[in-house]
Structure formats: structure tokens, C-alpha cells
Amino acid sequence: MELSEIIPHIEVLIFASDKPLTALEIVELINNAFGFMEQRVSLDQVETCITGIKEKYSSEFYPFEVKESGGGLQFLTKPSFYKTVAQLNGDKFLKRLSNAALETLAIIAYKQPITKGEIESIRGVNSDYSVQKLLEKELILISGRNEKLPGHPLLYTTSKNFMDYFGINSADDLPKIREVLAEQFTQGTIVMPEDFASATETFSEDEQPSNIVVNKDGELDVKDNTSEDE
């Protein structure tokens, strides 16, 4: 099949699917639909088509786009239309996680797989309720047990719903902690010697306020007041 013939089939599959679709799943679905064809659709062809589809719907003409979210491809409305869509869906789009749940979810996202005991050691409080709520919302799941710890406690990881909820395709898309912290740092004020020139001139030798001075590099330094006779 020509790429122009494949594209509509990819679009309709993404549109009709109730879950995010991967490129491999799309290849299988199209080949199953046209099993009688001698020339089967390849992964390279589908990936090329997906690139074209993304570019097509990135145009301002469309209020929606094709994005990789929740582990696959989805048609999603663009952020600028959030308020309009929220009117149609009501409280469904207005649900929020509590601070405790968000805190617990962040720890699981960055430390997964992790036990509830490890979560509580980081938070410093009991996390039973938060973990239970996150399980109910299907934002996290139980992925197994830690066989190395006494009692073999359950291990928690984020789910595909978590990725879909936050609009990412994998845990690797989460912002790095160092990047978040870097935004909180502020640069110190550079102090130049001339900034203090007028102030020091107002004092006599016996009235100098302290032995702290500014050196030629603009750094604070301690002046040695010991006389040469000493």
C-alpha cells in the first residue's frame, strides 16, 4: 500500500481506539484488516505515516492533535481549548489530587518500584490513605513484592493511566529533579569595591565600622588590621 492509503487507516484506528495505540499495534491491526494483501504494511511505513499525521494536526487549523501519551498514540484536544471542553464534561475535567496524594505519587514516580514503608520513610507520615486513593484512581499499580525485605512488602509503580493523566509517554519524560531544583536557585549579588567607596570615605581612620573589605574581585574579605610594628 502507498503511504497515502495507509494514513487514513492509522487515523481512524487512533480515533476509534479506547486506549493509546502503539505503532506496532497499528501495524498488526492494519495487516489483520487487509490480510488478503500480498504486500503487508511495515513498521517503517507506519512510523513515517505517524510523523506526517503529527505534522498535519499540529496546524492551527485543527483544535486537536495526535500525541504520544499513556504509552501510545491518541487524539487529544489542544490545551488552548481546555475551558471549552471542560464545559461539556463538567467535573470530570475538574478533579484534583490532594497535596498528600500528589506528594505520594511524586515519590512513587521518581523512586519506583518502591514499598509503602519506603514511601513513609521519605514523607515521614502514614501513607495508607494516599496509596489507597491512588490505586482506586488507577494512577499506580502493584508490580510485585520486594523479596529482599522482611515480609516481602508490596512494590508500587506508576500505571499507564498515570502517564495519560499527566500527558507523558513514559516515566523517562518526567522532568529531572536537578532541572526542577535549578529553577529555584537565584544568583547572588555581585558587590564591587566602588559600591563601598562613598561609604568608607565618610569614616575617619578611627571610625572604620569593621575590618571587612571588598577586594578587587568584588568579594568580601577580612582586612588584616595588625600594624607593621607588631
Protein backbone atom coordinates (compact mmCIF):
# COMPACT_ATOMS: atom_id res chain seq x y z
CA MET A 1 0.00 0.00 0.00
CA GLU A 2 1.06 3.56 -0.67
CA LEU A 3 1.63 5.82 2.33
CA SER A 4 -1.29 8.00 1.27
CA GLU A 5 -3.52 4.92 1.52
CA ILE A 6 -2.16 3.88 4.93
CA ILE A 7 -2.60 7.27 6.63
CA PRO A 8 -6.45 7.24 6.78
CA HIS A 9 -6.40 3.76 8.34
CA ILE A 10 -3.95 4.90 11.02
CA GLU A 11 -6.05 7.97 11.76
CA VAL A 12 -9.28 6.03 12.11
CA LEU A 13 -7.65 3.44 14.37
CA ILE A 14 -6.27 6.11 16.72
CA PHE A 15 -9.60 7.94 16.68
CA ALA A 16 -11.73 4.86 17.38
CA SER A 17 -9.48 3.23 19.98
CA ASP A 18 -10.47 3.46 23.65
CA LYS A 19 -6.79 3.25 24.66
CA PRO A 20 -3.49 4.64 23.37
CA LEU A 21 -2.15 2.64 20.40
CA THR A 22 1.50 1.90 19.73
CA ALA A 23 2.97 1.82 16.23
CA LEU A 24 3.39 -1.96 16.47
CA GLU A 25 -0.27 -2.42 17.39
CA ILE A 26 -1.29 -0.27 14.43
CA VAL A 27 0.83 -2.40 12.07
CA GLU A 28 -0.83 -5.57 13.34
CA LEU A 29 -4.35 -4.13 13.14
CA ILE A 30 -3.94 -2.88 9.57
CA ASN A 31 -2.37 -6.14 8.39
CA ASN A 32 -5.19 -8.11 10.04
CA ALA A 33 -7.76 -5.93 8.29
CA PHE A 34 -6.09 -6.46 4.90
CA GLY A 35 -4.83 -9.98 5.42
CA PHE A 36 -5.58 -10.91 1.84
CA MET A 37 -2.98 -8.45 0.53
CA GLU A 38 0.34 -9.86 -0.63
CA GLN A 39 2.29 -6.76 0.41
CA ARG A 40 1.99 -6.22 4.13
CA VAL A 41 2.37 -2.87 5.89
CA SER A 42 5.75 -2.46 7.62
CA LEU A 43 6.65 -0.71 10.88
CA ASP A 44 8.82 1.79 8.99
CA GLN A 45 5.88 2.75 6.78
CA VAL A 46 3.57 3.25 9.76
CA GLU A 47 6.15 5.32 11.67
CA THR A 48 6.68 7.52 8.60
CA CYS A 49 2.92 8.00 8.31
CA ILE A 50 2.64 8.83 12.02
CA THR A 51 5.24 11.58 11.62
CA GLY A 52 3.19 13.05 8.78
CA ILE A 53 -0.05 12.77 10.77
CA LYS A 54 1.51 14.60 13.73
CA GLU A 55 2.68 17.41 11.47
CA LYS A 56 -0.73 17.61 9.82
CA TYR A 57 -2.66 18.07 13.07
CA SER A 58 -0.09 20.41 14.61
CA SER A 59 -1.52 23.09 12.28
CA GLU A 60 -3.54 25.87 13.95
CA PHE A 61 -6.43 24.84 11.70
CA TYR A 62 -7.15 21.81 13.94
CA PRO A 63 -8.33 22.10 17.58
CA PHE A 64 -6.90 18.63 18.32
CA GLU A 65 -3.61 16.83 17.71
CA VAL A 66 -2.04 13.38 17.71
CA LYS A 67 0.28 12.90 20.66
CA GLU A 68 2.16 10.07 22.32
CA SER A 69 0.58 9.85 25.76
CA GLY A 70 -0.13 6.98 28.11
CA GLY A 71 2.20 4.63 26.25
CA GLY A 72 0.78 5.14 22.77
CA LEU A 73 -0.84 7.49 20.26
CA GLN A 74 -4.05 9.40 20.95
CA PHE A 75 -6.13 12.20 19.51
CA LEU A 76 -6.11 14.92 22.19
CA THR A 77 -7.68 18.36 22.23
CA LYS A 78 -5.13 21.17 22.32
CA PRO A 79 -4.55 22.93 25.67
CA SER A 80 -5.99 26.21 24.41
CA PHE A 81 -9.43 24.55 24.18
CA TYR A 82 -9.41 23.19 27.74
CA LYS A 83 -12.00 25.61 29.14
CA THR A 84 -14.41 24.92 26.27
CA VAL A 85 -14.18 21.13 26.61
CA ALA A 86 -14.47 21.40 30.40
CA GLN A 87 -17.95 22.91 29.96
CA LEU A 88 -19.06 19.75 28.19
CA ASN A 89 -17.52 17.27 30.60
CA GLY A 90 -18.15 19.12 33.85
CA ASP A 91 -16.46 17.81 36.99
CA LYS A 92 -14.67 15.07 35.07
CA PHE A 93 -12.09 17.62 33.98
CA LEU A 94 -12.02 19.41 37.33
CA LYS A 95 -10.89 16.53 39.52
CA ARG A 96 -7.76 17.25 41.51
CA LEU A 97 -5.43 15.21 43.65
CA SER A 98 -4.85 16.25 47.25
CA ASN A 99 -1.41 17.53 48.24
CA ALA A 100 -0.79 14.31 50.18
CA ALA A 101 -1.73 12.17 47.17
CA LEU A 102 0.42 14.27 44.82
CA GLU A 103 3.36 14.03 47.21
CA THR A 104 2.97 10.25 47.43
CA LEU A 105 2.55 9.95 43.66
CA ALA A 106 5.70 12.01 43.03
CA ILE A 107 7.74 9.76 45.32
CA ILE A 108 6.47 6.63 43.55
CA ALA A 109 7.09 8.15 40.11
CA TYR A 110 10.72 9.00 40.86
CA LYS A 111 11.61 6.06 43.11
CA GLN A 112 9.63 3.19 41.52
CA PRO A 113 9.43 0.36 42.23
CA ILE A 114 9.02 1.30 45.90
CA THR A 115 7.38 -0.15 49.00
CA LYS A 116 4.88 1.69 51.21
CA GLY A 117 7.38 1.61 54.06
CA GLU A 118 9.96 3.39 51.89
CA ILE A 119 7.34 5.97 50.87
CA GLU A 120 6.52 6.64 54.52
CA SER A 121 10.19 6.94 55.48
CA ILE A 122 10.55 9.71 52.88
CA ARG A 123 7.29 11.51 53.74
CA GLY A 124 7.56 10.98 57.49
CA VAL A 125 3.85 10.20 57.84
CA ASN A 126 1.49 7.27 57.33
CA SER A 127 0.58 6.93 53.63
CA ASP A 128 -2.11 4.22 53.71
CA TYR A 129 -4.92 6.55 52.62
CA SER A 130 -2.92 8.23 49.82
CA VAL A 131 -1.73 4.92 48.39
CA GLN A 132 -5.26 3.51 48.50
CA LYS A 133 -6.69 6.56 46.69
CA LEU A 134 -4.01 6.37 44.00
CA LEU A 135 -4.80 2.68 43.50
CA GLU A 136 -8.51 3.48 43.21
CA LYS A 137 -7.78 6.14 40.58
CA GLU A 138 -5.55 3.58 38.81
CA LEU A 139 -2.64 6.03 38.79
CA ILE A 140 -0.40 3.44 40.44
CA LEU A 141 -0.39 -0.35 40.49
CA ILE A 142 1.13 -3.19 42.46
CA SER A 143 4.01 -4.58 40.42
CA GLY A 144 5.20 -7.35 42.74
CA ARG A 145 6.96 -7.83 46.06
CA ASN A 146 10.40 -6.94 47.38
CA GLU A 147 11.81 -10.38 48.13
CA LYS A 148 14.88 -8.89 49.84
CA LEU A 149 12.95 -7.22 52.68
CA PRO A 150 11.34 -8.99 55.67
CA GLY A 151 7.71 -9.84 55.00
CA HIS A 152 8.18 -9.30 51.24
CA PRO A 153 6.27 -5.97 51.11
CA LEU A 154 4.35 -4.94 48.00
CA LEU A 155 6.04 -2.82 45.36
CA TYR A 156 4.26 0.12 43.74
CA THR A 157 4.86 1.67 40.32
CA THR A 158 3.04 4.20 38.17
CA SER A 159 0.49 2.97 35.61
CA LYS A 160 -0.33 3.82 32.00
CA ASN A 161 -3.21 5.87 33.38
CA PHE A 162 -0.63 7.94 35.26
CA MET A 163 1.19 8.72 32.02
CA ASP A 164 -2.10 9.52 30.32
CA TYR A 165 -3.21 11.72 33.25
CA PHE A 166 -0.07 13.84 33.04
CA GLY A 167 0.27 13.75 29.25
CA ILE A 168 3.56 11.85 29.07
CA ASN A 169 4.52 8.71 27.22
CA SER A 170 6.85 7.12 29.79
CA ALA A 171 8.41 7.80 33.19
CA ASP A 172 11.51 9.00 31.32
CA ASP A 173 9.52 12.05 30.20
CA LEU A 174 9.23 13.31 33.78
CA PRO A 175 11.28 16.44 34.48
CA LYS A 176 14.63 15.66 36.07
CA ILE A 177 14.83 16.62 39.75
CA ARG A 178 18.01 18.64 39.16
CA GLU A 179 16.19 20.65 36.49
CA VAL A 180 13.37 21.48 38.91
CA LEU A 181 15.82 22.49 41.64
CA ALA A 182 17.87 24.59 39.21
CA GLU A 183 14.84 26.80 38.60
CA GLN A 184 14.72 27.61 42.31
CA PHE A 185 18.31 28.81 42.54
CA THR A 186 18.99 32.55 42.42
CA GLN A 187 22.24 34.23 41.57
CA GLY A 188 23.99 36.18 44.30
CA THR A 189 24.54 39.92 44.03
CA ILE A 190 27.98 40.89 42.76
CA VAL A 191 29.45 43.55 45.04
CA MET A 192 32.07 45.84 43.51
CA PRO A 193 34.65 47.85 45.53
CA GLU A 194 33.38 51.13 44.09
CA ASP A 195 29.95 50.40 45.59
CA PHE A 196 31.52 50.97 49.01
CA ALA A 197 33.81 53.88 48.10
CA SER A 198 31.49 56.69 49.13
CA ALA A 199 30.53 54.93 52.34
CA THR A 200 34.07 54.35 53.59
CA GLU A 201 35.05 57.92 52.79
CA THR A 202 32.63 59.20 55.44
CA PHE A 203 34.57 57.50 58.22
CA SER A 204 37.86 58.58 59.74
CA GLU A 205 40.62 56.03 60.32
CA ASP A 206 39.47 55.57 63.91
CA GLU A 207 35.84 55.22 62.91
CA GLN A 208 36.04 52.44 60.32
CA PRO A 209 32.99 50.21 61.01
CA SER A 210 34.75 46.85 60.60
CA ASN A 211 37.74 45.08 59.13
CA ILE A 212 35.61 43.51 56.34
CA VAL A 213 36.55 44.91 52.95
CA VAL A 214 35.80 44.23 49.29
CA ASN A 215 38.77 43.02 47.27
CA LYS A 216 39.49 43.76 43.61
CA ASP A 217 37.44 40.73 42.52
CA GLY A 218 34.32 42.08 44.20
CA GLU A 219 34.46 39.54 47.02
CA LEU A 220 34.13 40.22 50.75
CA ASP A 221 37.42 39.75 52.58
CA VAL A 222 38.78 40.28 56.08
CA LYS A 223 41.38 43.04 56.32
CA ASP A 224 44.42 42.44 58.49
CA ASN A 225 44.48 45.39 60.90
CA THR A 226 47.73 44.32 62.58
CA SER A 227 50.26 47.13 62.26
CA GLU A 228 53.68 46.55 60.74
CA ASP A 229 55.32 47.47 64.09
CA GLU A 230 53.65 44.48 65.69
